[in-house]
Amino acid sequence: MEMLIAECGPTMLDEEGKCVGQMSEPLSPAGVGQTQALIAALPKVSHIFFSPQKPAAELAHAAAGRFGLATDRTKPEGKLMARRFGRFQKQPWEKVHGAIGNEPDKVVPQGGESDVMFQGRIVEFITALKGMRADEGNYILLVTHGDVITFVRKMQPLALLFGSEEVRDTAKATLYQFTL
C-alpha cells in the first residue's frame, strides 16, 4: 500500500517557539499558504485519515474537497493527534525541554502523556492500516503533526513496517510517501 503522510503548516504558537501539543490552534498566515501549496501538490488519494486538531482537519477537508471524496473516506483519527503536553502547552519549548530533560519516555507532564504512550497509539493505528487497500493508482493520506511524523520517520517499531520512503517538501508543509 502506498501511503502519504502530510504535515500541516505552522500555527502562530509554532512560529513563536511555543508548544502547541493537542491544542486546536488555527494556522498562521504562513501556515495557510504552505498548506495550500501542499494540497496543490497532492497526488490522487482515495482515503484520508486525519488528526481532529484544527490545522490537520482543515488540510484534510480541503484535500477531500479537491478529490471529491465522500465522508466515509475521510475520517478523523484521535491517534494521529500531536503529543499531549498538558500543563506545558503554550509554554516556550526551552521550558518544556528543561522540564522533561533527557528521559521523555519517563516523564508524564501533568495532564499530558509520556513518549511511550504517544508512540504506542501511533504504532497501534499504523499497524491497523497494514491490511487496508487504496483504490488502484491512489494513495491513502494521513494528515498529522510534526511530532507524529518525526516518530514515524525515526523510531524502530515503525521502521520495520515501511519498505521505502520519499520526501516531497512543499514549502515547509511537508509530504512524506511510504510503502507499507
N, C-alpha and C. Protein backbone atom coordinates (compact mmCIF):
# COMPACT_ATOMS: atom_id res chain seq x y z
N MET A 1 0.84 -1.17 0.00
CA MET A 1 0.00 0.00 0.00
C MET A 1 0.89 1.24 0.00
N GLU A 2 0.53 2.19 -0.83
CA GLU A 2 1.23 3.47 -0.86
C GLU A 2 0.51 4.44 0.05
N MET A 3 1.27 5.05 0.94
CA MET A 3 0.68 5.94 1.92
C MET A 3 1.43 7.27 1.91
N LEU A 4 0.69 8.35 2.02
CA LEU A 4 1.26 9.68 2.17
C LEU A 4 0.98 10.18 3.57
N ILE A 5 1.95 10.82 4.18
CA ILE A 5 1.74 11.46 5.47
C ILE A 5 2.04 12.94 5.28
N ALA A 6 1.04 13.77 5.53
CA ALA A 6 1.17 15.20 5.34
C ALA A 6 1.27 15.90 6.69
N GLU A 7 2.20 16.82 6.78
CA GLU A 7 2.32 17.66 7.96
C GLU A 7 1.70 19.01 7.64
N CYS A 8 0.74 19.42 8.45
CA CYS A 8 0.12 20.72 8.22
C CYS A 8 1.12 21.84 8.50
N GLY A 9 0.85 23.00 7.97
CA GLY A 9 1.72 24.16 8.18
C GLY A 9 1.69 24.62 9.63
N PRO A 10 2.51 25.61 9.98
CA PRO A 10 2.63 26.06 11.37
C PRO A 10 1.46 26.93 11.84
N THR A 11 1.26 26.91 13.15
CA THR A 11 0.32 27.81 13.82
C THR A 11 1.11 29.02 14.34
N MET A 12 0.42 30.00 14.88
CA MET A 12 1.11 31.15 15.48
C MET A 12 1.98 30.70 16.66
N LEU A 13 1.49 29.74 17.46
CA LEU A 13 2.30 29.25 18.59
C LEU A 13 3.58 28.60 18.09
N ASP A 14 3.50 27.84 17.00
CA ASP A 14 4.70 27.24 16.41
C ASP A 14 5.71 28.34 16.06
N GLU A 15 5.21 29.38 15.41
CA GLU A 15 6.10 30.45 14.96
C GLU A 15 6.69 31.24 16.13
N GLU A 16 6.01 31.22 17.28
CA GLU A 16 6.52 31.88 18.48
C GLU A 16 7.44 30.97 19.28
N GLY A 17 7.68 29.74 18.81
CA GLY A 17 8.55 28.81 19.52
C GLY A 17 7.90 28.22 20.76
N LYS A 18 6.57 28.10 20.73
CA LYS A 18 5.85 27.57 21.89
C LYS A 18 5.24 26.21 21.57
N CYS A 19 5.03 25.43 22.60
CA CYS A 19 4.46 24.09 22.49
C CYS A 19 2.97 24.18 22.21
N VAL A 20 2.53 23.55 21.14
CA VAL A 20 1.11 23.52 20.80
C VAL A 20 0.46 22.30 21.44
N GLY A 21 1.14 21.16 21.40
CA GLY A 21 0.57 19.94 21.96
C GLY A 21 -0.74 19.60 21.27
N GLN A 22 -1.78 19.29 22.05
CA GLN A 22 -3.07 18.92 21.47
C GLN A 22 -4.07 20.07 21.42
N MET A 23 -3.56 21.28 21.50
CA MET A 23 -4.47 22.42 21.35
C MET A 23 -4.90 22.50 19.89
N SER A 24 -6.04 23.08 19.65
CA SER A 24 -6.55 23.17 18.29
C SER A 24 -6.40 24.60 17.78
N GLU A 25 -5.17 25.00 17.56
CA GLU A 25 -4.84 26.35 17.12
C GLU A 25 -5.00 26.48 15.62
N PRO A 26 -5.45 27.64 15.14
CA PRO A 26 -5.53 27.83 13.68
C PRO A 26 -4.14 28.01 13.07
N LEU A 27 -4.05 27.79 11.79
CA LEU A 27 -2.80 28.01 11.07
C LEU A 27 -2.43 29.48 11.09
N SER A 28 -1.13 29.76 11.07
CA SER A 28 -0.65 31.13 10.90
C SER A 28 -0.86 31.52 9.44
N PRO A 29 -0.74 32.80 9.09
CA PRO A 29 -0.84 33.17 7.67
C PRO A 29 0.15 32.40 6.79
N ALA A 30 1.38 32.22 7.29
CA ALA A 30 2.36 31.43 6.52
C ALA A 30 1.91 29.97 6.43
N GLY A 31 1.34 29.45 7.50
CA GLY A 31 0.85 28.08 7.51
C GLY A 31 -0.27 27.85 6.51
N VAL A 32 -1.13 28.85 6.35
CA VAL A 32 -2.22 28.74 5.36
C VAL A 32 -1.62 28.61 3.96
N GLY A 33 -0.65 29.44 3.63
CA GLY A 33 -0.02 29.38 2.31
C GLY A 33 0.70 28.06 2.08
N GLN A 34 1.39 27.58 3.10
CA GLN A 34 2.12 26.32 2.98
C GLN A 34 1.15 25.15 2.80
N THR A 35 0.05 25.19 3.52
CA THR A 35 -0.94 24.12 3.41
C THR A 35 -1.60 24.13 2.03
N GLN A 36 -1.87 25.31 1.50
CA GLN A 36 -2.44 25.40 0.14
C GLN A 36 -1.47 24.83 -0.89
N ALA A 37 -0.18 25.10 -0.73
CA ALA A 37 0.83 24.55 -1.64
C ALA A 37 0.88 23.03 -1.54
N LEU A 38 0.76 22.50 -0.34
CA LEU A 38 0.77 21.05 -0.15
C LEU A 38 -0.44 20.42 -0.82
N ILE A 39 -1.61 21.00 -0.64
CA ILE A 39 -2.83 20.45 -1.25
C ILE A 39 -2.70 20.42 -2.77
N ALA A 40 -2.14 21.47 -3.35
CA ALA A 40 -1.96 21.53 -4.80
C ALA A 40 -0.98 20.46 -5.29
N ALA A 41 -0.03 20.06 -4.43
CA ALA A 41 0.98 19.08 -4.82
C ALA A 41 0.55 17.63 -4.60
N LEU A 42 -0.59 17.41 -3.96
CA LEU A 42 -1.02 16.05 -3.64
C LEU A 42 -1.35 15.24 -4.90
N PRO A 43 -0.85 14.01 -4.97
CA PRO A 43 -1.36 13.10 -6.00
C PRO A 43 -2.74 12.60 -5.57
N LYS A 44 -3.42 11.88 -6.41
CA LYS A 44 -4.78 11.38 -6.14
C LYS A 44 -4.78 10.49 -4.90
N VAL A 45 -5.72 10.78 -3.98
CA VAL A 45 -5.89 9.95 -2.79
C VAL A 45 -7.31 9.37 -2.78
N SER A 46 -7.44 8.18 -2.18
CA SER A 46 -8.76 7.55 -2.11
C SER A 46 -9.32 7.53 -0.69
N HIS A 47 -8.46 7.71 0.32
CA HIS A 47 -8.89 7.72 1.71
C HIS A 47 -8.03 8.74 2.46
N ILE A 48 -8.63 9.42 3.44
CA ILE A 48 -7.90 10.36 4.28
C ILE A 48 -8.23 10.07 5.73
N PHE A 49 -7.20 9.92 6.54
CA PHE A 49 -7.33 9.83 7.99
C PHE A 49 -6.59 11.04 8.54
N PHE A 50 -7.20 11.75 9.51
CA PHE A 50 -6.57 12.99 9.96
C PHE A 50 -6.73 13.21 11.45
N SER A 51 -5.78 13.94 12.00
CA SER A 51 -5.90 14.40 13.38
C SER A 51 -7.05 15.37 13.45
N PRO A 52 -7.90 15.28 14.49
CA PRO A 52 -9.01 16.21 14.59
C PRO A 52 -8.60 17.63 15.04
N GLN A 53 -7.30 17.84 15.32
CA GLN A 53 -6.84 19.18 15.65
C GLN A 53 -7.03 20.10 14.45
N LYS A 54 -7.36 21.35 14.70
CA LYS A 54 -7.80 22.27 13.66
C LYS A 54 -6.90 22.34 12.42
N PRO A 55 -5.57 22.54 12.53
CA PRO A 55 -4.78 22.68 11.30
C PRO A 55 -4.81 21.42 10.42
N ALA A 56 -4.74 20.25 11.04
CA ALA A 56 -4.76 19.00 10.28
C ALA A 56 -6.14 18.76 9.68
N ALA A 57 -7.18 19.05 10.45
CA ALA A 57 -8.55 18.85 9.95
C ALA A 57 -8.83 19.77 8.77
N GLU A 58 -8.36 21.01 8.83
CA GLU A 58 -8.55 21.95 7.71
C GLU A 58 -7.87 21.43 6.44
N LEU A 59 -6.64 20.95 6.58
CA LEU A 59 -5.92 20.41 5.43
C LEU A 59 -6.66 19.19 4.87
N ALA A 60 -7.09 18.30 5.75
CA ALA A 60 -7.78 17.08 5.31
C ALA A 60 -9.08 17.40 4.57
N HIS A 61 -9.85 18.32 5.09
CA HIS A 61 -11.12 18.67 4.44
C HIS A 61 -10.89 19.35 3.09
N ALA A 62 -9.86 20.20 3.01
CA ALA A 62 -9.54 20.83 1.72
C ALA A 62 -9.08 19.79 0.70
N ALA A 63 -8.27 18.82 1.14
CA ALA A 63 -7.82 17.75 0.24
C ALA A 63 -9.01 16.89 -0.20
N ALA A 64 -9.90 16.58 0.73
CA ALA A 64 -11.09 15.79 0.39
C ALA A 64 -11.93 16.52 -0.64
N GLY A 65 -12.07 17.83 -0.48
CA GLY A 65 -12.81 18.63 -1.44
C GLY A 65 -12.16 18.63 -2.81
N ARG A 66 -10.83 18.71 -2.83
CA ARG A 66 -10.12 18.69 -4.11
C ARG A 66 -10.38 17.41 -4.88
N PHE A 67 -10.46 16.28 -4.17
CA PHE A 67 -10.63 14.99 -4.83
C PHE A 67 -12.08 14.50 -4.81
N GLY A 68 -12.99 15.27 -4.25
CA GLY A 68 -14.40 14.89 -4.22
C GLY A 68 -14.65 13.63 -3.41
N LEU A 69 -13.93 13.44 -2.32
CA LEU A 69 -14.09 12.22 -1.52
C LEU A 69 -15.36 12.28 -0.68
N ALA A 70 -16.05 11.16 -0.60
CA ALA A 70 -17.23 11.02 0.25
C ALA A 70 -16.80 11.03 1.71
N THR A 71 -17.72 11.38 2.59
CA THR A 71 -17.38 11.46 4.01
C THR A 71 -16.93 10.12 4.61
N ASP A 72 -17.39 9.00 4.05
CA ASP A 72 -16.94 7.71 4.57
C ASP A 72 -15.49 7.40 4.21
N ARG A 73 -14.87 8.21 3.38
CA ARG A 73 -13.46 8.03 3.01
C ARG A 73 -12.57 9.10 3.64
N THR A 74 -13.14 9.94 4.49
CA THR A 74 -12.41 10.99 5.18
C THR A 74 -12.77 10.91 6.66
N LYS A 75 -11.82 10.44 7.48
CA LYS A 75 -12.16 10.14 8.88
C LYS A 75 -11.18 10.76 9.86
N PRO A 76 -11.71 11.42 10.91
CA PRO A 76 -10.84 11.90 11.98
C PRO A 76 -10.31 10.71 12.78
N GLU A 77 -9.06 10.81 13.22
CA GLU A 77 -8.43 9.74 13.98
C GLU A 77 -7.64 10.35 15.13
N GLY A 78 -8.15 10.18 16.35
CA GLY A 78 -7.50 10.74 17.53
C GLY A 78 -6.08 10.25 17.75
N LYS A 79 -5.74 9.07 17.25
CA LYS A 79 -4.38 8.55 17.44
C LYS A 79 -3.36 9.31 16.61
N LEU A 80 -3.81 10.15 15.67
CA LEU A 80 -2.90 10.97 14.87
C LEU A 80 -2.68 12.36 15.47
N MET A 81 -3.26 12.61 16.65
CA MET A 81 -3.06 13.91 17.29
C MET A 81 -1.62 14.05 17.77
N ALA A 82 -1.19 15.29 17.91
CA ALA A 82 0.15 15.57 18.44
C ALA A 82 0.24 15.04 19.87
N ARG A 83 1.47 14.97 20.38
CA ARG A 83 1.66 14.52 21.77
C ARG A 83 0.95 15.51 22.70
N ARG A 84 0.31 14.95 23.72
CA ARG A 84 -0.39 15.74 24.73
C ARG A 84 0.63 16.18 25.78
N PHE A 85 0.87 17.49 25.87
CA PHE A 85 1.85 18.05 26.80
C PHE A 85 1.24 18.66 28.05
N GLY A 86 -0.08 18.55 28.21
CA GLY A 86 -0.74 19.02 29.43
C GLY A 86 -0.37 20.44 29.80
N ARG A 87 0.13 20.63 31.01
CA ARG A 87 0.41 21.98 31.52
C ARG A 87 1.51 22.70 30.76
N PHE A 88 2.25 22.00 29.90
CA PHE A 88 3.31 22.64 29.13
C PHE A 88 2.82 23.28 27.83
N GLN A 89 1.57 23.03 27.46
CA GLN A 89 1.04 23.63 26.25
C GLN A 89 1.05 25.16 26.39
N LYS A 90 1.41 25.82 25.32
CA LYS A 90 1.56 27.29 25.23
C LYS A 90 2.82 27.81 25.90
N GLN A 91 3.65 26.91 26.44
CA GLN A 91 4.90 27.31 27.07
C GLN A 91 6.03 27.30 26.03
N PRO A 92 7.06 28.12 26.23
CA PRO A 92 8.21 28.07 25.31
C PRO A 92 8.85 26.68 25.33
N TRP A 93 9.32 26.23 24.17
CA TRP A 93 9.91 24.90 24.06
C TRP A 93 11.10 24.73 25.01
N GLU A 94 11.86 25.80 25.25
CA GLU A 94 13.00 25.69 26.17
C GLU A 94 12.54 25.23 27.56
N LYS A 95 11.41 25.77 27.99
CA LYS A 95 10.86 25.39 29.30
C LYS A 95 10.40 23.93 29.28
N VAL A 96 9.77 23.52 28.21
CA VAL A 96 9.28 22.14 28.09
C VAL A 96 10.46 21.18 28.11
N HIS A 97 11.48 21.45 27.28
CA HIS A 97 12.66 20.55 27.22
C HIS A 97 13.41 20.55 28.55
N GLY A 98 13.47 21.70 29.22
CA GLY A 98 14.12 21.77 30.52
C GLY A 98 13.42 20.91 31.56
N ALA A 99 12.09 20.88 31.52
CA ALA A 99 11.32 20.10 32.49
C ALA A 99 11.35 18.60 32.18
N ILE A 100 11.33 18.26 30.91
CA ILE A 100 11.29 16.84 30.52
C ILE A 100 12.69 16.24 30.56
N GLY A 101 13.70 17.02 30.21
CA GLY A 101 15.07 16.54 30.25
C GLY A 101 15.36 15.49 29.20
N ASN A 102 16.29 14.60 29.53
CA ASN A 102 16.76 13.59 28.58
C ASN A 102 15.99 12.28 28.66
N GLU A 103 14.94 12.23 29.44
CA GLU A 103 14.17 11.00 29.58
C GLU A 103 12.69 11.23 29.30
N PRO A 104 12.34 11.66 28.05
CA PRO A 104 10.94 11.97 27.76
C PRO A 104 10.03 10.76 27.86
N ASP A 105 10.59 9.55 27.78
CA ASP A 105 9.75 8.36 27.88
C ASP A 105 9.31 8.10 29.32
N LYS A 106 9.98 8.74 30.29
CA LYS A 106 9.64 8.50 31.69
C LYS A 106 8.87 9.66 32.31
N VAL A 107 8.83 10.78 31.63
CA VAL A 107 8.17 11.97 32.19
C VAL A 107 6.77 12.10 31.60
N VAL A 108 5.79 12.19 32.49
CA VAL A 108 4.41 12.42 32.07
C VAL A 108 4.01 13.78 32.62
N PRO A 109 3.95 14.80 31.74
CA PRO A 109 3.54 16.13 32.22
C PRO A 109 2.13 16.06 32.81
N GLN A 110 1.88 16.86 33.83
CA GLN A 110 0.54 16.91 34.42
C GLN A 110 -0.48 17.20 33.32
N GLY A 111 -1.45 16.30 33.15
CA GLY A 111 -2.45 16.44 32.09
C GLY A 111 -1.96 16.01 30.72
N GLY A 112 -0.78 15.39 30.67
CA GLY A 112 -0.19 15.01 29.38
C GLY A 112 0.04 13.52 29.25
N GLU A 113 0.92 13.17 28.33
CA GLU A 113 1.26 11.76 28.11
C GLU A 113 2.77 11.63 27.91
N SER A 114 3.30 10.46 28.23
CA SER A 114 4.73 10.20 28.04
C SER A 114 5.00 9.89 26.57
N ASP A 115 6.27 9.87 26.20
CA ASP A 115 6.64 9.46 24.85
C ASP A 115 6.16 8.05 24.54
N VAL A 116 6.26 7.16 25.53
CA VAL A 116 5.85 5.77 25.32
C VAL A 116 4.36 5.69 25.01
N MET A 117 3.54 6.45 25.72
CA MET A 117 2.10 6.47 25.47
C MET A 117 1.82 7.04 24.08
N PHE A 118 2.48 8.14 23.76
CA PHE A 118 2.33 8.81 22.47
C PHE A 118 2.69 7.87 21.32
N GLN A 119 3.85 7.25 21.43
CA GLN A 119 4.33 6.35 20.38
C GLN A 119 3.46 5.11 20.26
N GLY A 120 2.96 4.60 21.37
CA GLY A 120 2.13 3.40 21.35
C GLY A 120 0.85 3.59 20.54
N ARG A 121 0.22 4.74 20.68
CA ARG A 121 -1.02 4.96 19.92
C ARG A 121 -0.76 5.10 18.43
N ILE A 122 0.38 5.65 18.06
CA ILE A 122 0.71 5.79 16.65
C ILE A 122 1.01 4.42 16.04
N VAL A 123 1.81 3.62 16.73
CA VAL A 123 2.12 2.27 16.25
C VAL A 123 0.83 1.46 16.10
N GLU A 124 -0.07 1.57 17.06
CA GLU A 124 -1.34 0.84 17.01
C GLU A 124 -2.13 1.23 15.76
N PHE A 125 -2.23 2.51 15.46
CA PHE A 125 -3.00 2.96 14.31
C PHE A 125 -2.35 2.54 12.99
N ILE A 126 -1.04 2.76 12.86
CA ILE A 126 -0.35 2.42 11.60
C ILE A 126 -0.41 0.91 11.36
N THR A 127 -0.25 0.13 12.41
CA THR A 127 -0.32 -1.32 12.28
C THR A 127 -1.70 -1.75 11.79
N ALA A 128 -2.75 -1.10 12.28
CA ALA A 128 -4.11 -1.43 11.85
C ALA A 128 -4.34 -1.11 10.37
N LEU A 129 -3.57 -0.17 9.83
CA LEU A 129 -3.72 0.19 8.41
C LEU A 129 -3.09 -0.83 7.46
N LYS A 130 -2.24 -1.69 7.97
CA LYS A 130 -1.49 -2.60 7.09
C LYS A 130 -2.36 -3.38 6.12
N GLY A 131 -3.54 -3.77 6.51
CA GLY A 131 -4.40 -4.56 5.63
C GLY A 131 -5.28 -3.74 4.70
N MET A 132 -5.25 -2.44 4.84
CA MET A 132 -6.12 -1.58 4.04
C MET A 132 -5.58 -1.42 2.62
N ARG A 133 -6.48 -1.23 1.69
CA ARG A 133 -6.09 -1.04 0.29
C ARG A 133 -6.65 0.27 -0.24
N ALA A 134 -5.81 1.02 -0.91
CA ALA A 134 -6.26 2.23 -1.60
C ALA A 134 -6.85 1.80 -2.94
N ASP A 135 -7.67 2.66 -3.51
CA ASP A 135 -8.15 2.40 -4.87
C ASP A 135 -6.96 2.38 -5.82
N GLU A 136 -7.06 1.63 -6.89
CA GLU A 136 -5.97 1.49 -7.86
C GLU A 136 -5.40 2.85 -8.27
N GLY A 137 -4.09 3.00 -8.16
CA GLY A 137 -3.41 4.22 -8.58
C GLY A 137 -3.53 5.38 -7.61
N ASN A 138 -4.13 5.15 -6.47
CA ASN A 138 -4.32 6.21 -5.47
C ASN A 138 -3.51 5.92 -4.21
N TYR A 139 -3.48 6.90 -3.34
CA TYR A 139 -2.78 6.80 -2.07
C TYR A 139 -3.77 6.91 -0.92
N ILE A 140 -3.34 6.44 0.24
CA ILE A 140 -4.03 6.73 1.49
C ILE A 140 -3.27 7.88 2.12
N LEU A 141 -3.97 8.92 2.53
CA LEU A 141 -3.35 10.11 3.09
C LEU A 141 -3.63 10.19 4.58
N LEU A 142 -2.55 10.36 5.36
CA LEU A 142 -2.66 10.64 6.79
C LEU A 142 -2.25 12.10 6.97
N VAL A 143 -3.06 12.87 7.66
CA VAL A 143 -2.75 14.28 7.92
C VAL A 143 -2.54 14.44 9.41
N THR A 144 -1.34 14.89 9.78
CA THR A 144 -1.00 14.93 11.20
C THR A 144 -0.03 16.08 11.49
N HIS A 145 0.77 15.92 12.53
CA HIS A 145 1.61 16.99 13.05
C HIS A 145 3.07 16.56 13.07
N GLY A 146 3.95 17.54 13.22
CA GLY A 146 5.39 17.30 13.14
C GLY A 146 5.91 16.23 14.08
N ASP A 147 5.44 16.22 15.33
CA ASP A 147 5.98 15.23 16.27
C ASP A 147 5.57 13.81 15.89
N VAL A 148 4.38 13.66 15.33
CA VAL A 148 3.94 12.33 14.87
C VAL A 148 4.82 11.88 13.71
N ILE A 149 5.06 12.78 12.77
CA ILE A 149 5.88 12.44 11.61
C ILE A 149 7.31 12.15 12.01
N THR A 150 7.86 12.91 12.94
CA THR A 150 9.22 12.65 13.42
C THR A 150 9.31 11.24 13.97
N PHE A 151 8.31 10.84 14.75
CA PHE A 151 8.31 9.48 15.29
C PHE A 151 8.19 8.44 14.19
N VAL A 152 7.28 8.64 13.26
CA VAL A 152 7.09 7.68 12.16
C VAL A 152 8.39 7.49 11.39
N ARG A 153 9.13 8.58 11.17
CA ARG A 153 10.35 8.51 10.36
C ARG A 153 11.56 7.97 11.11
N LYS A 154 11.59 8.07 12.43
CA LYS A 154 12.83 7.76 13.15
C LYS A 154 12.79 6.58 14.10
N MET A 155 11.64 6.17 14.56
CA MET A 155 11.61 5.15 15.60
C MET A 155 11.57 3.73 15.03
N GLN A 156 12.19 2.82 15.72
CA GLN A 156 12.35 1.44 15.27
C GLN A 156 11.05 0.68 15.02
N PRO A 157 10.07 0.68 15.93
CA PRO A 157 8.90 -0.18 15.68
C PRO A 157 8.24 0.09 14.33
N LEU A 158 8.15 1.36 13.92
CA LEU A 158 7.51 1.65 12.64
C LEU A 158 8.46 1.48 11.48
N ALA A 159 9.75 1.66 11.71
CA ALA A 159 10.71 1.50 10.62
C ALA A 159 10.61 0.08 10.04
N LEU A 160 10.24 -0.87 10.87
CA LEU A 160 10.10 -2.24 10.41
C LEU A 160 8.88 -2.42 9.50
N LEU A 161 7.90 -1.53 9.61
CA LEU A 161 6.69 -1.65 8.82
C LEU A 161 6.85 -1.09 7.40
N PHE A 162 7.73 -0.14 7.23
CA PHE A 162 7.82 0.58 5.97
C PHE A 162 8.90 0.01 5.07
N GLY A 163 8.58 -0.10 3.77
CA GLY A 163 9.55 -0.61 2.81
C GLY A 163 10.38 0.50 2.22
N SER A 164 9.81 1.68 1.99
CA SER A 164 10.57 2.78 1.40
C SER A 164 9.95 4.10 1.80
N GLU A 165 10.71 5.17 1.59
CA GLU A 165 10.24 6.50 1.93
C GLU A 165 10.74 7.50 0.90
N GLU A 166 9.88 8.44 0.57
CA GLU A 166 10.25 9.55 -0.31
C GLU A 166 9.71 10.82 0.34
N VAL A 167 10.52 11.88 0.35
CA VAL A 167 10.11 13.14 0.96
C VAL A 167 9.85 14.15 -0.14
N ARG A 168 8.70 14.81 -0.07
CA ARG A 168 8.36 15.88 -1.01
C ARG A 168 8.14 17.15 -0.20
N ASP A 169 9.10 18.05 -0.23
CA ASP A 169 8.97 19.29 0.52
C ASP A 169 8.18 20.29 -0.30
N THR A 170 7.09 20.79 0.24
CA THR A 170 6.24 21.74 -0.47
C THR A 170 6.18 23.03 0.34
N ALA A 171 7.32 23.71 0.43
CA ALA A 171 7.40 25.00 1.12
C ALA A 171 7.01 24.88 2.59
N LYS A 172 7.64 24.03 3.33
CA LYS A 172 7.51 23.82 4.76
C LYS A 172 6.41 22.85 5.19
N ALA A 173 5.23 22.92 4.63
CA ALA A 173 4.23 21.88 4.93
C ALA A 173 4.70 20.69 4.09
N THR A 174 5.08 19.62 4.72
CA THR A 174 5.82 18.56 4.05
C THR A 174 4.96 17.31 3.85
N LEU A 175 5.24 16.62 2.76
CA LEU A 175 4.53 15.42 2.40
C LEU A 175 5.54 14.27 2.32
N TYR A 176 5.26 13.18 3.02
CA TYR A 176 6.13 12.01 3.03
C TYR A 176 5.37 10.86 2.39
N GLN A 177 6.07 10.11 1.55
CA GLN A 177 5.45 8.95 0.91
C GLN A 177 6.10 7.69 1.44
N PHE A 178 5.28 6.73 1.86
CA PHE A 178 5.77 5.47 2.39
C PHE A 178 5.10 4.32 1.66
N THR A 179 5.81 3.21 1.59
CA THR A 179 5.21 1.97 1.14
C THR A 179 5.04 1.11 2.38
N LEU A 180 3.82 0.69 2.63
CA LEU A 180 3.51 -0.10 3.82
C LEU A 180 3.26 -1.54 3.42
